[in-house]
Amino acid sequence: MSYTMILTFSVDAGSAPLNAQLRITDTSTFSIQTDPVQVQPYNTATTPTLTSLSVGSKNVSVIVGQSGAAALQVLASVTPIGSTMPVNLSYNDVVLTATYGFAGHNGSFPLVYGANTIYFPT
């Protein structure tokens, strides 16, 4: 079974450009061969300039090309192995807020720098 995961990444005004990397650390994968990945502005009136987006079967990397407040939402299909998925969140030179959730399910949950566990809906 696959889920559409909603990842949000945001930085405050006065910050360095948004940059974030999320890496799956078990055998779960993003389903990039069969399902499209969607990137869109999140909770903002302007669209931040996207410098780089890289999505692999094990990772998502986002870089925005402007300093200041920015927020992006990435929708990607994920195929879990089991009911949880360990991930590692990293970023450079910014104070980043990150969350995850699932399309069709209520709520979003925080991701912190370093090791995290994503819980799939039941």
N, C-alpha and C. Protein backbone atom coordinates (compact mmCIF):
# COMPACT_ATOMS: atom_id res chain seq x y z
N MET A 1 0.84 -1.18 0.00
CA MET A 1 0.00 0.00 0.00
C MET A 1 0.89 1.24 0.00
N SER A 2 0.52 2.24 -0.78
CA SER A 2 1.23 3.51 -0.81
C SER A 2 0.40 4.61 -0.17
N TYR A 3 1.07 5.61 0.37
CA TYR A 3 0.44 6.79 0.95
C TYR A 3 1.01 8.02 0.27
N THR A 4 0.18 9.06 0.13
CA THR A 4 0.69 10.34 -0.32
C THR A 4 1.10 11.13 0.91
N MET A 5 2.41 11.31 1.05
CA MET A 5 2.97 12.01 2.19
C MET A 5 3.07 13.49 1.86
N ILE A 6 2.70 14.32 2.81
CA ILE A 6 2.78 15.77 2.65
C ILE A 6 3.89 16.27 3.57
N LEU A 7 4.96 16.78 2.98
CA LEU A 7 6.08 17.32 3.73
C LEU A 7 6.06 18.83 3.59
N THR A 8 6.18 19.56 4.69
CA THR A 8 6.29 21.02 4.62
C THR A 8 7.61 21.45 5.23
N PHE A 9 8.23 22.42 4.58
CA PHE A 9 9.50 22.99 5.03
C PHE A 9 9.34 24.50 5.01
N SER A 10 9.69 25.19 6.10
CA SER A 10 9.57 26.65 6.11
C SER A 10 10.68 27.28 6.93
N VAL A 11 11.04 28.52 6.54
CA VAL A 11 12.00 29.34 7.27
C VAL A 11 11.39 30.72 7.45
N ASP A 12 11.85 31.44 8.48
CA ASP A 12 11.33 32.77 8.78
C ASP A 12 12.03 33.86 7.98
N ALA A 13 11.44 35.04 7.98
CA ALA A 13 12.05 36.21 7.35
C ALA A 13 13.41 36.47 8.00
N GLY A 14 14.35 36.96 7.22
CA GLY A 14 15.68 37.25 7.73
C GLY A 14 16.58 36.03 7.77
N SER A 15 16.08 34.92 7.32
CA SER A 15 16.84 33.68 7.34
C SER A 15 17.62 33.50 6.04
N ALA A 16 18.60 32.65 6.08
CA ALA A 16 19.26 32.21 4.85
C ALA A 16 18.24 31.44 4.01
N PRO A 17 18.54 31.21 2.74
CA PRO A 17 17.58 30.47 1.90
C PRO A 17 17.24 29.10 2.48
N LEU A 18 15.97 28.73 2.31
CA LEU A 18 15.49 27.43 2.75
C LEU A 18 16.28 26.33 2.05
N ASN A 19 16.75 25.37 2.82
CA ASN A 19 17.35 24.17 2.26
C ASN A 19 17.09 23.04 3.22
N ALA A 20 16.67 21.91 2.71
CA ALA A 20 16.34 20.78 3.57
C ALA A 20 16.57 19.48 2.82
N GLN A 21 16.98 18.48 3.57
CA GLN A 21 17.16 17.14 3.02
C GLN A 21 16.50 16.15 3.97
N LEU A 22 15.65 15.29 3.42
CA LEU A 22 15.00 14.25 4.21
C LEU A 22 15.38 12.91 3.58
N ARG A 23 15.96 12.02 4.39
CA ARG A 23 16.44 10.74 3.88
C ARG A 23 15.78 9.61 4.64
N ILE A 24 15.22 8.64 3.90
CA ILE A 24 14.64 7.43 4.49
C ILE A 24 15.80 6.51 4.89
N THR A 25 15.75 5.98 6.11
CA THR A 25 16.87 5.16 6.58
C THR A 25 16.52 3.68 6.75
N ASP A 26 15.36 3.25 6.22
CA ASP A 26 15.07 1.82 6.20
C ASP A 26 14.78 1.40 4.76
N THR A 27 14.06 0.31 4.56
CA THR A 27 13.82 -0.18 3.21
C THR A 27 12.57 0.40 2.55
N SER A 28 11.86 1.31 3.22
CA SER A 28 10.73 2.01 2.59
C SER A 28 11.27 2.89 1.46
N THR A 29 10.40 3.26 0.53
CA THR A 29 10.84 4.07 -0.61
C THR A 29 9.78 5.08 -1.03
N PHE A 30 10.25 6.18 -1.64
CA PHE A 30 9.36 7.07 -2.36
C PHE A 30 9.09 6.44 -3.71
N SER A 31 7.82 6.45 -4.15
CA SER A 31 7.42 5.79 -5.39
C SER A 31 7.55 6.74 -6.57
N ILE A 32 8.77 7.10 -6.91
CA ILE A 32 8.99 8.12 -7.94
C ILE A 32 8.85 7.58 -9.35
N GLN A 33 8.90 6.28 -9.52
CA GLN A 33 8.78 5.72 -10.87
C GLN A 33 7.34 5.73 -11.37
N THR A 34 6.37 5.61 -10.45
CA THR A 34 4.97 5.48 -10.86
C THR A 34 4.09 6.65 -10.47
N ASP A 35 4.51 7.45 -9.50
CA ASP A 35 3.66 8.54 -9.01
C ASP A 35 4.41 9.87 -9.11
N PRO A 36 3.74 10.91 -9.59
CA PRO A 36 4.41 12.22 -9.70
C PRO A 36 4.67 12.84 -8.34
N VAL A 37 5.67 13.69 -8.27
CA VAL A 37 5.98 14.47 -7.08
C VAL A 37 5.49 15.88 -7.35
N GLN A 38 4.80 16.48 -6.40
CA GLN A 38 4.26 17.83 -6.56
C GLN A 38 4.91 18.75 -5.55
N VAL A 39 5.33 19.94 -6.00
CA VAL A 39 5.90 20.96 -5.13
C VAL A 39 5.07 22.22 -5.29
N GLN A 40 4.70 22.86 -4.20
CA GLN A 40 3.88 24.06 -4.27
C GLN A 40 4.19 24.96 -3.08
N PRO A 41 3.87 26.26 -3.20
CA PRO A 41 4.05 27.14 -2.04
C PRO A 41 3.11 26.69 -0.93
N TYR A 42 3.49 26.98 0.29
CA TYR A 42 2.68 26.58 1.43
C TYR A 42 2.46 27.77 2.34
N ASN A 43 1.21 28.08 2.61
CA ASN A 43 0.85 29.09 3.59
C ASN A 43 1.54 30.44 3.34
N THR A 44 1.65 30.81 2.08
CA THR A 44 2.31 32.06 1.73
C THR A 44 1.66 32.63 0.48
N ALA A 45 1.69 33.94 0.36
CA ALA A 45 1.06 34.58 -0.80
C ALA A 45 1.98 34.55 -2.01
N THR A 46 3.27 34.38 -1.80
CA THR A 46 4.21 34.37 -2.92
C THR A 46 4.84 33.00 -3.06
N THR A 47 5.24 32.70 -4.26
CA THR A 47 5.90 31.44 -4.53
C THR A 47 7.40 31.63 -4.43
N PRO A 48 8.07 30.95 -3.50
CA PRO A 48 9.52 31.09 -3.42
C PRO A 48 10.18 30.52 -4.67
N THR A 49 11.31 31.11 -5.05
CA THR A 49 12.05 30.65 -6.21
C THR A 49 12.72 29.32 -5.89
N LEU A 50 12.33 28.28 -6.58
CA LEU A 50 12.89 26.96 -6.36
C LEU A 50 14.19 26.84 -7.14
N THR A 51 15.30 26.68 -6.45
CA THR A 51 16.60 26.52 -7.09
C THR A 51 16.85 25.07 -7.44
N SER A 52 16.49 24.17 -6.52
CA SER A 52 16.78 22.76 -6.74
C SER A 52 15.78 21.89 -6.02
N LEU A 53 15.32 20.87 -6.70
CA LEU A 53 14.50 19.83 -6.10
C LEU A 53 15.06 18.50 -6.58
N SER A 54 15.39 17.65 -5.65
CA SER A 54 15.88 16.33 -5.99
C SER A 54 15.07 15.32 -5.21
N VAL A 55 14.47 14.37 -5.92
CA VAL A 55 13.70 13.33 -5.27
C VAL A 55 14.22 11.99 -5.79
N GLY A 56 14.66 11.17 -4.88
CA GLY A 56 15.10 9.83 -5.21
C GLY A 56 14.25 8.83 -4.47
N SER A 57 14.52 7.58 -4.64
CA SER A 57 13.72 6.56 -3.96
C SER A 57 13.90 6.61 -2.44
N LYS A 58 14.99 7.24 -1.98
CA LYS A 58 15.28 7.30 -0.55
C LYS A 58 15.38 8.72 0.01
N ASN A 59 15.28 9.76 -0.83
CA ASN A 59 15.51 11.10 -0.30
C ASN A 59 14.73 12.18 -1.05
N VAL A 60 14.51 13.29 -0.34
CA VAL A 60 13.95 14.52 -0.91
C VAL A 60 14.89 15.65 -0.48
N SER A 61 15.33 16.44 -1.44
CA SER A 61 16.18 17.59 -1.15
C SER A 61 15.59 18.82 -1.82
N VAL A 62 15.42 19.91 -1.06
CA VAL A 62 14.81 21.14 -1.55
C VAL A 62 15.72 22.31 -1.24
N ILE A 63 15.96 23.18 -2.23
CA ILE A 63 16.71 24.42 -2.02
C ILE A 63 15.95 25.55 -2.68
N VAL A 64 15.72 26.63 -1.92
CA VAL A 64 15.06 27.83 -2.43
C VAL A 64 16.13 28.89 -2.63
N GLY A 65 16.03 29.66 -3.72
CA GLY A 65 17.09 30.58 -4.11
C GLY A 65 16.99 31.98 -3.57
N GLN A 66 16.21 32.23 -2.57
CA GLN A 66 16.10 33.59 -2.03
C GLN A 66 16.14 33.55 -0.52
N SER A 67 16.70 34.58 0.06
CA SER A 67 16.70 34.69 1.52
C SER A 67 15.34 35.19 1.98
N GLY A 68 15.04 34.98 3.24
CA GLY A 68 13.79 35.47 3.79
C GLY A 68 12.76 34.38 3.93
N ALA A 69 11.58 34.79 4.35
CA ALA A 69 10.51 33.85 4.62
C ALA A 69 10.17 33.04 3.38
N ALA A 70 10.07 31.75 3.56
CA ALA A 70 9.70 30.86 2.46
C ALA A 70 9.11 29.60 3.04
N ALA A 71 8.18 29.03 2.33
CA ALA A 71 7.59 27.77 2.76
C ALA A 71 7.17 26.98 1.52
N LEU A 72 7.53 25.72 1.51
CA LEU A 72 7.18 24.83 0.41
C LEU A 72 6.50 23.59 0.97
N GLN A 73 5.62 23.04 0.14
CA GLN A 73 4.97 21.79 0.46
C GLN A 73 5.33 20.81 -0.64
N VAL A 74 5.80 19.62 -0.26
CA VAL A 74 6.16 18.58 -1.21
C VAL A 74 5.21 17.41 -0.99
N LEU A 75 4.54 16.97 -2.04
CA LEU A 75 3.67 15.81 -1.98
C LEU A 75 4.35 14.68 -2.73
N ALA A 76 4.60 13.58 -2.05
CA ALA A 76 5.28 12.45 -2.66
C ALA A 76 4.63 11.16 -2.17
N SER A 77 4.50 10.20 -3.07
CA SER A 77 3.95 8.91 -2.70
C SER A 77 5.05 8.07 -2.06
N VAL A 78 4.71 7.41 -0.96
CA VAL A 78 5.70 6.59 -0.25
C VAL A 78 5.12 5.20 -0.03
N THR A 79 5.95 4.19 -0.23
CA THR A 79 5.56 2.81 0.01
C THR A 79 6.28 2.33 1.26
N PRO A 80 5.56 2.19 2.38
CA PRO A 80 6.21 1.82 3.64
C PRO A 80 6.45 0.32 3.75
N ILE A 81 7.44 -0.02 4.54
CA ILE A 81 7.66 -1.39 4.98
C ILE A 81 7.36 -1.36 6.48
N GLY A 82 6.20 -1.83 6.85
CA GLY A 82 5.80 -1.78 8.26
C GLY A 82 4.96 -0.55 8.56
N SER A 83 4.72 -0.29 9.85
CA SER A 83 3.83 0.80 10.26
C SER A 83 4.57 2.09 10.58
N THR A 84 5.90 2.05 10.57
CA THR A 84 6.70 3.24 10.81
C THR A 84 7.82 3.32 9.78
N MET A 85 8.40 4.51 9.67
CA MET A 85 9.51 4.70 8.74
C MET A 85 10.53 5.64 9.38
N PRO A 86 11.75 5.18 9.65
CA PRO A 86 12.77 6.07 10.18
C PRO A 86 13.33 6.97 9.08
N VAL A 87 13.48 8.25 9.41
CA VAL A 87 14.03 9.22 8.46
C VAL A 87 15.04 10.10 9.18
N ASN A 88 15.87 10.77 8.41
CA ASN A 88 16.84 11.71 8.95
C ASN A 88 16.63 13.04 8.25
N LEU A 89 16.40 14.12 9.02
CA LEU A 89 16.21 15.46 8.48
C LEU A 89 17.48 16.26 8.72
N SER A 90 17.99 16.89 7.67
CA SER A 90 19.15 17.77 7.84
C SER A 90 18.93 19.06 7.07
N TYR A 91 19.61 20.11 7.50
CA TYR A 91 19.57 21.41 6.84
C TYR A 91 20.80 22.19 7.25
N ASN A 92 21.10 23.24 6.48
CA ASN A 92 22.31 24.02 6.72
C ASN A 92 22.00 25.49 6.87
N ASP A 93 22.58 26.13 7.89
CA ASP A 93 22.58 27.59 8.04
C ASP A 93 21.20 28.23 8.15
N VAL A 94 20.17 27.48 8.52
CA VAL A 94 18.82 28.04 8.65
C VAL A 94 18.18 27.49 9.92
N VAL A 95 17.15 28.18 10.37
CA VAL A 95 16.27 27.62 11.39
C VAL A 95 15.03 27.16 10.64
N LEU A 96 14.88 25.88 10.53
CA LEU A 96 13.87 25.28 9.66
C LEU A 96 12.77 24.66 10.50
N THR A 97 11.53 24.84 10.06
CA THR A 97 10.39 24.13 10.63
C THR A 97 9.93 23.13 9.58
N ALA A 98 9.77 21.88 10.00
CA ALA A 98 9.35 20.83 9.06
C ALA A 98 8.26 19.98 9.70
N THR A 99 7.31 19.55 8.88
CA THR A 99 6.24 18.68 9.35
C THR A 99 5.96 17.62 8.29
N TYR A 100 5.25 16.57 8.71
CA TYR A 100 4.76 15.57 7.77
C TYR A 100 3.31 15.26 8.09
N GLY A 101 2.59 14.80 7.08
CA GLY A 101 1.22 14.36 7.23
C GLY A 101 0.89 13.48 6.04
N PHE A 102 -0.37 13.07 5.93
CA PHE A 102 -0.78 12.20 4.84
C PHE A 102 -2.08 12.71 4.23
N ALA A 103 -2.16 12.72 2.91
CA ALA A 103 -3.37 13.15 2.21
C ALA A 103 -4.54 12.26 2.65
N GLY A 104 -5.67 12.89 2.93
CA GLY A 104 -6.85 12.16 3.35
C GLY A 104 -6.90 11.84 4.84
N HIS A 105 -5.90 12.29 5.58
CA HIS A 105 -5.85 12.04 7.02
C HIS A 105 -5.59 13.37 7.73
N ASN A 106 -6.24 13.58 8.85
CA ASN A 106 -6.10 14.82 9.60
C ASN A 106 -4.76 14.89 10.33
N GLY A 107 -4.26 16.10 10.47
CA GLY A 107 -3.10 16.34 11.30
C GLY A 107 -1.79 16.39 10.56
N SER A 108 -0.87 17.13 11.16
CA SER A 108 0.51 17.13 10.71
C SER A 108 1.38 17.00 11.95
N PHE A 109 2.56 16.49 11.76
CA PHE A 109 3.41 16.13 12.88
C PHE A 109 4.81 16.69 12.67
N PRO A 110 5.46 17.18 13.73
CA PRO A 110 6.75 17.83 13.56
C PRO A 110 7.88 16.86 13.21
N LEU A 111 8.83 17.37 12.45
CA LEU A 111 10.09 16.68 12.20
C LEU A 111 11.19 17.57 12.76
N VAL A 112 12.14 16.98 13.46
CA VAL A 112 13.24 17.73 14.05
C VAL A 112 14.54 17.37 13.34
N TYR A 113 15.55 18.20 13.54
CA TYR A 113 16.85 17.93 12.96
C TYR A 113 17.36 16.57 13.47
N GLY A 114 17.85 15.74 12.56
CA GLY A 114 18.37 14.44 12.94
C GLY A 114 17.36 13.33 12.75
N ALA A 115 17.45 12.32 13.59
CA ALA A 115 16.63 11.11 13.46
C ALA A 115 15.18 11.36 13.88
N ASN A 116 14.23 10.85 13.08
CA ASN A 116 12.79 10.94 13.34
C ASN A 116 12.15 9.61 12.97
N THR A 117 10.97 9.36 13.52
CA THR A 117 10.18 8.20 13.11
C THR A 117 8.84 8.71 12.59
N ILE A 118 8.51 8.34 11.37
CA ILE A 118 7.22 8.68 10.77
C ILE A 118 6.27 7.51 11.02
N TYR A 119 5.09 7.83 11.54
CA TYR A 119 4.07 6.81 11.82
C TYR A 119 3.01 6.88 10.73
N PHE A 120 2.73 5.75 10.10
CA PHE A 120 1.72 5.72 9.04
C PHE A 120 0.33 5.57 9.63
N PRO A 121 -0.67 6.15 8.94
CA PRO A 121 -2.05 6.05 9.45
C PRO A 121 -2.53 4.60 9.44
N THR A 122 -3.43 4.33 10.37
CA THR A 122 -3.99 2.97 10.43
C THR A 122 -5.44 2.97 10.06
